[in-house]
Amino acid sequence: MLAKVSILNISNIGHYYIILTHRNIIQASYKNLQKDLTICLKKIK
């Protein structure tokens, strides 16, 4: 899932780096990951 999101967001380097930076930290908490991805997707739109 993270790989797909990163590819979709690759045009927006800011969000791309946010996802990569927090991937290992948030990996243990999927709920937090969903929240962060939702925020990133909203910012892109």
Protein backbone atom coordinates (compact mmCIF):
# COMPACT_ATOMS: atom_id res chain seq x y z
CA MET A 1 0.00 0.00 0.00
CA LEU A 2 2.74 2.44 0.96
CA ALA A 3 4.58 1.82 -2.30
CA LYS A 4 1.45 2.58 -4.34
CA VAL A 5 0.76 5.75 -2.37
CA SER A 6 4.35 6.90 -2.78
CA ILE A 7 4.21 6.37 -6.54
CA LEU A 8 0.94 8.31 -6.79
CA ASN A 9 2.39 11.14 -4.70
CA ILE A 10 5.85 11.18 -6.34
CA SER A 11 4.99 14.42 -8.14
CA ASN A 12 4.54 16.03 -4.73
CA ILE A 13 7.96 15.48 -3.16
CA GLY A 14 6.87 16.95 0.18
CA HIS A 15 4.21 14.32 0.78
CA TYR A 16 6.42 11.61 -0.75
CA TYR A 17 9.10 12.30 1.83
CA ILE A 18 6.57 12.52 4.68
CA ILE A 19 5.32 9.02 3.85
CA LEU A 20 8.84 7.57 3.58
CA THR A 21 10.02 9.31 6.74
CA HIS A 22 7.15 8.08 8.89
CA ARG A 23 6.77 4.65 7.31
CA ASN A 24 8.89 2.79 9.86
CA ILE A 25 7.61 4.80 12.82
CA ILE A 26 3.92 4.39 12.04
CA GLN A 27 4.12 0.90 10.55
CA ALA A 28 3.13 -0.61 13.91
CA SER A 29 0.01 1.56 14.08
CA TYR A 30 -2.11 1.21 10.95
CA LYS A 31 -4.80 3.56 12.27
CA ASN A 32 -2.29 6.40 12.59
CA LEU A 33 -0.98 5.58 9.12
CA GLN A 34 -4.47 5.87 7.65
CA LYS A 35 -4.92 9.27 9.32
CA ASP A 36 -1.60 10.57 7.94
CA LEU A 37 -2.34 9.29 4.44
CA THR A 38 -5.79 10.89 4.54
CA ILE A 39 -4.24 14.23 5.52
CA CYS A 40 -1.65 13.96 2.73
CA LEU A 41 -4.28 13.10 0.12
CA LYS A 42 -6.46 16.03 1.26
CA LYS A 43 -3.50 18.42 0.96
CA ILE A 44 -2.77 17.19 -2.57
CA LYS A 45 -6.39 17.73 -3.64
